[in-house]
Amino acid sequence: MKVAKIFAVTGTLIMFFTLVYGFIDGDFFKEGSILFSMVWGKVSLIDVYTGFFLFSAWVLYREESWMKAVLWILSIMVLGNFITCLYATVALYKSNNDFKQFWLGKHF
C-alpha cells in the first residue's frame, strides 16, 4: 500500500507541475490546433480519452455519491491524468490500507 501511495502522490505532483508549465509557457489553442492536424495527434487524443473513460467507469462504480462521481469524471475530462492520480491518491488514503476497499469503494 505504501508503494502505491508513493506512486500516486508522485504522479499527482508530476502532472500538477507539468500542467502549470504547459499553461505558463505554452499556447493551448495554437499548439493544440497543430496537434489535432496530425494523425498521431488524433490517435494520441483518442488513446488518452479511452483511458479516461475506462478510469471514469471505475470512479462511477466505487463512489458512494453519484454527484461526487460526476464531478470527479468532469475533472478527469478537463485536467486529465492529474485528476486520475489525485483520485487514486485520495482513494488510497481513504482505504485504511486495504486494497479491497481501494478497488471496490462503496461495494466493499
N, C-alpha and C. Protein backbone atom coordinates (compact mmCIF):
# COMPACT_ATOMS: atom_id res chain seq x y z
N MET A 1 0.83 -1.19 0.00
CA MET A 1 0.00 0.00 0.00
C MET A 1 0.88 1.26 0.00
N LYS A 2 1.99 1.20 0.73
CA LYS A 2 2.88 2.35 0.81
C LYS A 2 3.46 2.69 -0.57
N VAL A 3 3.84 1.67 -1.32
CA VAL A 3 4.40 1.89 -2.67
C VAL A 3 3.34 2.50 -3.58
N ALA A 4 2.12 2.01 -3.49
CA ALA A 4 1.03 2.57 -4.31
C ALA A 4 0.81 4.04 -3.98
N LYS A 5 0.86 4.38 -2.71
CA LYS A 5 0.68 5.78 -2.30
C LYS A 5 1.82 6.65 -2.84
N ILE A 6 3.03 6.13 -2.78
CA ILE A 6 4.18 6.88 -3.30
C ILE A 6 4.01 7.13 -4.80
N PHE A 7 3.63 6.10 -5.55
CA PHE A 7 3.41 6.27 -7.00
C PHE A 7 2.29 7.26 -7.28
N ALA A 8 1.18 7.17 -6.55
CA ALA A 8 0.05 8.06 -6.78
C ALA A 8 0.39 9.51 -6.45
N VAL A 9 1.03 9.73 -5.33
CA VAL A 9 1.41 11.10 -4.95
C VAL A 9 2.44 11.65 -5.93
N THR A 10 3.42 10.84 -6.31
CA THR A 10 4.43 11.28 -7.27
C THR A 10 3.79 11.64 -8.61
N GLY A 11 2.88 10.79 -9.09
CA GLY A 11 2.17 11.09 -10.34
C GLY A 11 1.36 12.37 -10.24
N THR A 12 0.71 12.57 -9.11
CA THR A 12 -0.08 13.79 -8.91
C THR A 12 0.81 15.02 -8.99
N LEU A 13 1.93 14.99 -8.30
CA LEU A 13 2.85 16.14 -8.31
C LEU A 13 3.45 16.38 -9.69
N ILE A 14 3.87 15.31 -10.35
CA ILE A 14 4.44 15.46 -11.69
C ILE A 14 3.41 16.07 -12.65
N MET A 15 2.20 15.55 -12.62
CA MET A 15 1.17 16.06 -13.52
C MET A 15 0.78 17.50 -13.18
N PHE A 16 0.72 17.83 -11.90
CA PHE A 16 0.39 19.20 -11.50
C PHE A 16 1.41 20.18 -12.06
N PHE A 17 2.70 19.89 -11.82
CA PHE A 17 3.73 20.81 -12.29
C PHE A 17 3.85 20.82 -13.81
N THR A 18 3.56 19.71 -14.46
CA THR A 18 3.56 19.66 -15.92
C THR A 18 2.44 20.54 -16.48
N LEU A 19 1.26 20.47 -15.87
CA LEU A 19 0.15 21.34 -16.31
C LEU A 19 0.47 22.81 -16.10
N VAL A 20 1.04 23.14 -14.94
CA VAL A 20 1.42 24.53 -14.66
C VAL A 20 2.41 25.00 -15.72
N TYR A 21 3.42 24.18 -16.00
CA TYR A 21 4.41 24.52 -17.02
C TYR A 21 3.73 24.75 -18.38
N GLY A 22 2.84 23.84 -18.75
CA GLY A 22 2.16 23.96 -20.04
C GLY A 22 1.33 25.23 -20.15
N PHE A 23 0.59 25.55 -19.08
CA PHE A 23 -0.25 26.75 -19.12
C PHE A 23 0.57 28.04 -19.08
N ILE A 24 1.72 28.01 -18.43
CA ILE A 24 2.56 29.21 -18.36
C ILE A 24 3.35 29.42 -19.66
N ASP A 25 3.98 28.36 -20.16
CA ASP A 25 4.88 28.50 -21.31
C ASP A 25 4.27 28.14 -22.65
N GLY A 26 3.09 27.55 -22.66
CA GLY A 26 2.51 27.11 -23.93
C GLY A 26 1.30 27.93 -24.33
N ASP A 27 0.86 27.72 -25.54
CA ASP A 27 -0.37 28.32 -26.06
C ASP A 27 -1.30 27.16 -26.41
N PHE A 28 -2.22 26.88 -25.51
CA PHE A 28 -3.08 25.70 -25.61
C PHE A 28 -3.79 25.63 -26.96
N PHE A 29 -4.39 26.72 -27.41
CA PHE A 29 -5.18 26.69 -28.64
C PHE A 29 -4.29 26.62 -29.89
N LYS A 30 -3.21 27.38 -29.91
CA LYS A 30 -2.32 27.37 -31.07
C LYS A 30 -1.64 26.01 -31.22
N GLU A 31 -1.04 25.53 -30.12
CA GLU A 31 -0.33 24.26 -30.17
C GLU A 31 -1.30 23.08 -30.31
N GLY A 32 -2.45 23.21 -29.68
CA GLY A 32 -3.47 22.16 -29.80
C GLY A 32 -3.96 22.00 -31.23
N SER A 33 -4.12 23.12 -31.93
CA SER A 33 -4.59 23.03 -33.33
C SER A 33 -3.55 22.34 -34.20
N ILE A 34 -2.28 22.53 -33.89
CA ILE A 34 -1.22 21.84 -34.64
C ILE A 34 -1.29 20.33 -34.35
N LEU A 35 -1.43 19.97 -33.07
CA LEU A 35 -1.53 18.55 -32.71
C LEU A 35 -2.74 17.89 -33.38
N PHE A 36 -3.88 18.57 -33.37
CA PHE A 36 -5.09 17.99 -33.95
C PHE A 36 -5.02 17.87 -35.46
N SER A 37 -4.10 18.58 -36.08
CA SER A 37 -3.97 18.49 -37.54
C SER A 37 -3.13 17.28 -37.95
N MET A 38 -2.47 16.64 -36.99
CA MET A 38 -1.62 15.48 -37.29
C MET A 38 -2.33 14.18 -36.93
N VAL A 39 -2.09 13.15 -37.71
CA VAL A 39 -2.71 11.85 -37.47
C VAL A 39 -2.38 11.35 -36.06
N TRP A 40 -1.10 11.40 -35.67
CA TRP A 40 -0.71 10.88 -34.36
C TRP A 40 -1.21 11.77 -33.22
N GLY A 41 -1.48 13.01 -33.51
CA GLY A 41 -2.12 13.87 -32.50
C GLY A 41 -3.53 13.37 -32.22
N LYS A 42 -4.25 13.01 -33.30
CA LYS A 42 -5.61 12.48 -33.15
C LYS A 42 -5.59 11.11 -32.47
N VAL A 43 -4.65 10.25 -32.89
CA VAL A 43 -4.53 8.92 -32.28
C VAL A 43 -4.25 9.04 -30.79
N SER A 44 -3.34 9.93 -30.43
CA SER A 44 -3.00 10.13 -29.02
C SER A 44 -4.19 10.63 -28.22
N LEU A 45 -4.96 11.54 -28.79
CA LEU A 45 -6.14 12.06 -28.10
C LEU A 45 -7.18 10.96 -27.89
N ILE A 46 -7.41 10.13 -28.90
CA ILE A 46 -8.35 9.02 -28.77
C ILE A 46 -7.85 8.04 -27.70
N ASP A 47 -6.56 7.76 -27.71
CA ASP A 47 -5.95 6.87 -26.72
C ASP A 47 -6.15 7.41 -25.30
N VAL A 48 -5.84 8.67 -25.10
CA VAL A 48 -5.95 9.28 -23.77
C VAL A 48 -7.40 9.27 -23.29
N TYR A 49 -8.33 9.65 -24.14
CA TYR A 49 -9.74 9.71 -23.72
C TYR A 49 -10.34 8.32 -23.53
N THR A 50 -9.85 7.32 -24.25
CA THR A 50 -10.29 5.95 -23.99
C THR A 50 -9.90 5.56 -22.57
N GLY A 51 -8.67 5.88 -22.18
CA GLY A 51 -8.23 5.63 -20.80
C GLY A 51 -9.04 6.41 -19.79
N PHE A 52 -9.35 7.67 -20.10
CA PHE A 52 -10.17 8.48 -19.19
C PHE A 52 -11.53 7.84 -18.97
N PHE A 53 -12.16 7.38 -20.05
CA PHE A 53 -13.48 6.76 -19.92
C PHE A 53 -13.41 5.47 -19.11
N LEU A 54 -12.38 4.68 -19.32
CA LEU A 54 -12.21 3.46 -18.54
C LEU A 54 -12.03 3.79 -17.06
N PHE A 55 -11.15 4.73 -16.75
CA PHE A 55 -10.92 5.14 -15.37
C PHE A 55 -12.20 5.73 -14.77
N SER A 56 -12.94 6.50 -15.57
CA SER A 56 -14.18 7.10 -15.10
C SER A 56 -15.23 6.05 -14.75
N ALA A 57 -15.23 4.94 -15.47
CA ALA A 57 -16.16 3.85 -15.14
C ALA A 57 -15.85 3.30 -13.75
N TRP A 58 -14.57 3.18 -13.42
CA TRP A 58 -14.17 2.73 -12.09
C TRP A 58 -14.60 3.74 -11.03
N VAL A 59 -14.42 5.03 -11.30
CA VAL A 59 -14.84 6.08 -10.36
C VAL A 59 -16.35 5.98 -10.12
N LEU A 60 -17.11 5.87 -11.19
CA LEU A 60 -18.56 5.76 -11.08
C LEU A 60 -18.97 4.53 -10.27
N TYR A 61 -18.29 3.43 -10.47
CA TYR A 61 -18.57 2.19 -9.75
C TYR A 61 -18.29 2.32 -8.25
N ARG A 62 -17.16 2.92 -7.90
CA ARG A 62 -16.73 2.88 -6.49
C ARG A 62 -17.25 4.04 -5.63
N GLU A 63 -17.67 5.14 -6.24
CA GLU A 63 -18.11 6.29 -5.44
C GLU A 63 -19.50 6.07 -4.84
N GLU A 64 -19.67 6.55 -3.62
CA GLU A 64 -20.96 6.45 -2.93
C GLU A 64 -21.97 7.43 -3.49
N SER A 65 -21.51 8.60 -3.84
CA SER A 65 -22.40 9.65 -4.33
C SER A 65 -22.29 9.78 -5.84
N TRP A 66 -23.42 9.74 -6.51
CA TRP A 66 -23.48 9.89 -7.96
C TRP A 66 -22.94 11.27 -8.36
N MET A 67 -23.31 12.30 -7.58
CA MET A 67 -22.88 13.66 -7.89
C MET A 67 -21.37 13.82 -7.72
N LYS A 68 -20.81 13.22 -6.68
CA LYS A 68 -19.37 13.28 -6.47
C LYS A 68 -18.64 12.58 -7.62
N ALA A 69 -19.17 11.46 -8.06
CA ALA A 69 -18.57 10.73 -9.19
C ALA A 69 -18.58 11.59 -10.45
N VAL A 70 -19.69 12.26 -10.71
CA VAL A 70 -19.79 13.11 -11.90
C VAL A 70 -18.78 14.25 -11.83
N LEU A 71 -18.60 14.85 -10.66
CA LEU A 71 -17.62 15.93 -10.52
C LEU A 71 -16.19 15.43 -10.76
N TRP A 72 -15.88 14.25 -10.23
CA TRP A 72 -14.56 13.66 -10.50
C TRP A 72 -14.39 13.41 -12.00
N ILE A 73 -15.42 12.83 -12.63
CA ILE A 73 -15.32 12.48 -14.05
C ILE A 73 -15.17 13.73 -14.92
N LEU A 74 -15.93 14.77 -14.64
CA LEU A 74 -15.78 16.02 -15.40
C LEU A 74 -14.38 16.59 -15.22
N SER A 75 -13.86 16.50 -14.01
CA SER A 75 -12.49 16.98 -13.75
C SER A 75 -11.46 16.17 -14.53
N ILE A 76 -11.68 14.86 -14.61
CA ILE A 76 -10.78 14.00 -15.40
C ILE A 76 -10.79 14.42 -16.87
N MET A 77 -11.98 14.68 -17.41
CA MET A 77 -12.09 15.04 -18.82
C MET A 77 -11.42 16.38 -19.13
N VAL A 78 -11.34 17.27 -18.13
CA VAL A 78 -10.74 18.59 -18.35
C VAL A 78 -9.24 18.61 -18.01
N LEU A 79 -8.88 18.03 -16.87
CA LEU A 79 -7.50 18.12 -16.38
C LEU A 79 -6.71 16.82 -16.49
N GLY A 80 -7.33 15.79 -17.05
CA GLY A 80 -6.62 14.57 -17.40
C GLY A 80 -6.03 13.77 -16.26
N ASN A 81 -4.85 13.26 -16.52
CA ASN A 81 -4.23 12.33 -15.58
C ASN A 81 -3.74 12.98 -14.29
N PHE A 82 -3.71 14.29 -14.23
CA PHE A 82 -3.50 14.95 -12.93
C PHE A 82 -4.63 14.53 -11.99
N ILE A 83 -5.85 14.53 -12.49
CA ILE A 83 -7.00 14.17 -11.66
C ILE A 83 -7.05 12.67 -11.41
N THR A 84 -6.68 11.84 -12.40
CA THR A 84 -6.68 10.39 -12.13
C THR A 84 -5.69 10.06 -11.03
N CYS A 85 -4.52 10.70 -11.05
CA CYS A 85 -3.53 10.48 -9.98
C CYS A 85 -4.05 11.01 -8.64
N LEU A 86 -4.68 12.17 -8.67
CA LEU A 86 -5.23 12.73 -7.44
C LEU A 86 -6.33 11.84 -6.88
N TYR A 87 -7.21 11.34 -7.76
CA TYR A 87 -8.29 10.46 -7.32
C TYR A 87 -7.71 9.19 -6.69
N ALA A 88 -6.73 8.59 -7.34
CA ALA A 88 -6.11 7.38 -6.80
C ALA A 88 -5.45 7.67 -5.45
N THR A 89 -4.80 8.82 -5.33
CA THR A 89 -4.19 9.20 -4.06
C THR A 89 -5.23 9.30 -2.95
N VAL A 90 -6.31 10.02 -3.23
CA VAL A 90 -7.39 10.18 -2.24
C VAL A 90 -7.98 8.82 -1.87
N ALA A 91 -8.25 7.99 -2.88
CA ALA A 91 -8.84 6.67 -2.64
C ALA A 91 -7.90 5.79 -1.80
N LEU A 92 -6.61 5.87 -2.08
CA LEU A 92 -5.65 5.09 -1.31
C LEU A 92 -5.62 5.52 0.15
N TYR A 93 -5.64 6.82 0.38
CA TYR A 93 -5.59 7.30 1.76
C TYR A 93 -6.90 7.04 2.51
N LYS A 94 -8.02 6.99 1.80
CA LYS A 94 -9.31 6.71 2.44
C LYS A 94 -9.55 5.21 2.65
N SER A 95 -8.72 4.38 2.07
CA SER A 95 -8.98 2.93 2.08
C SER A 95 -8.51 2.21 3.34
N ASN A 96 -7.95 2.93 4.29
CA ASN A 96 -7.47 2.31 5.53
C ASN A 96 -6.48 1.18 5.26
N ASN A 97 -5.59 1.38 4.29
CA ASN A 97 -4.57 0.38 3.93
C ASN A 97 -5.15 -0.96 3.50
N ASP A 98 -6.32 -0.94 2.91
CA ASP A 98 -6.99 -2.16 2.45
C ASP A 98 -7.23 -2.04 0.95
N PHE A 99 -6.54 -2.88 0.17
CA PHE A 99 -6.68 -2.81 -1.29
C PHE A 99 -8.10 -3.14 -1.75
N LYS A 100 -8.80 -4.01 -1.06
CA LYS A 100 -10.19 -4.30 -1.45
C LYS A 100 -11.04 -3.05 -1.32
N GLN A 101 -10.85 -2.31 -0.23
CA GLN A 101 -11.57 -1.05 -0.04
C GLN A 101 -11.20 -0.06 -1.13
N PHE A 102 -9.92 -0.01 -1.46
CA PHE A 102 -9.45 0.89 -2.52
C PHE A 102 -10.14 0.58 -3.84
N TRP A 103 -10.14 -0.69 -4.25
CA TRP A 103 -10.70 -1.05 -5.55
C TRP A 103 -12.22 -1.02 -5.58
N LEU A 104 -12.88 -1.42 -4.49
CA LEU A 104 -14.33 -1.59 -4.53
C LEU A 104 -15.11 -0.40 -4.00
N GLY A 105 -14.50 0.44 -3.20
CA GLY A 105 -15.19 1.61 -2.68
C GLY A 105 -16.46 1.26 -1.96
N LYS A 106 -17.59 1.79 -2.42
CA LYS A 106 -18.89 1.60 -1.76
C LYS A 106 -19.33 0.13 -1.77
N HIS A 107 -18.76 -0.69 -2.63
CA HIS A 107 -19.17 -2.08 -2.75
C HIS A 107 -18.40 -3.00 -1.79
N PHE A 108 -17.52 -2.40 -0.98
CA PHE A 108 -16.72 -3.20 -0.04
C PHE A 108 -17.55 -3.62 1.14
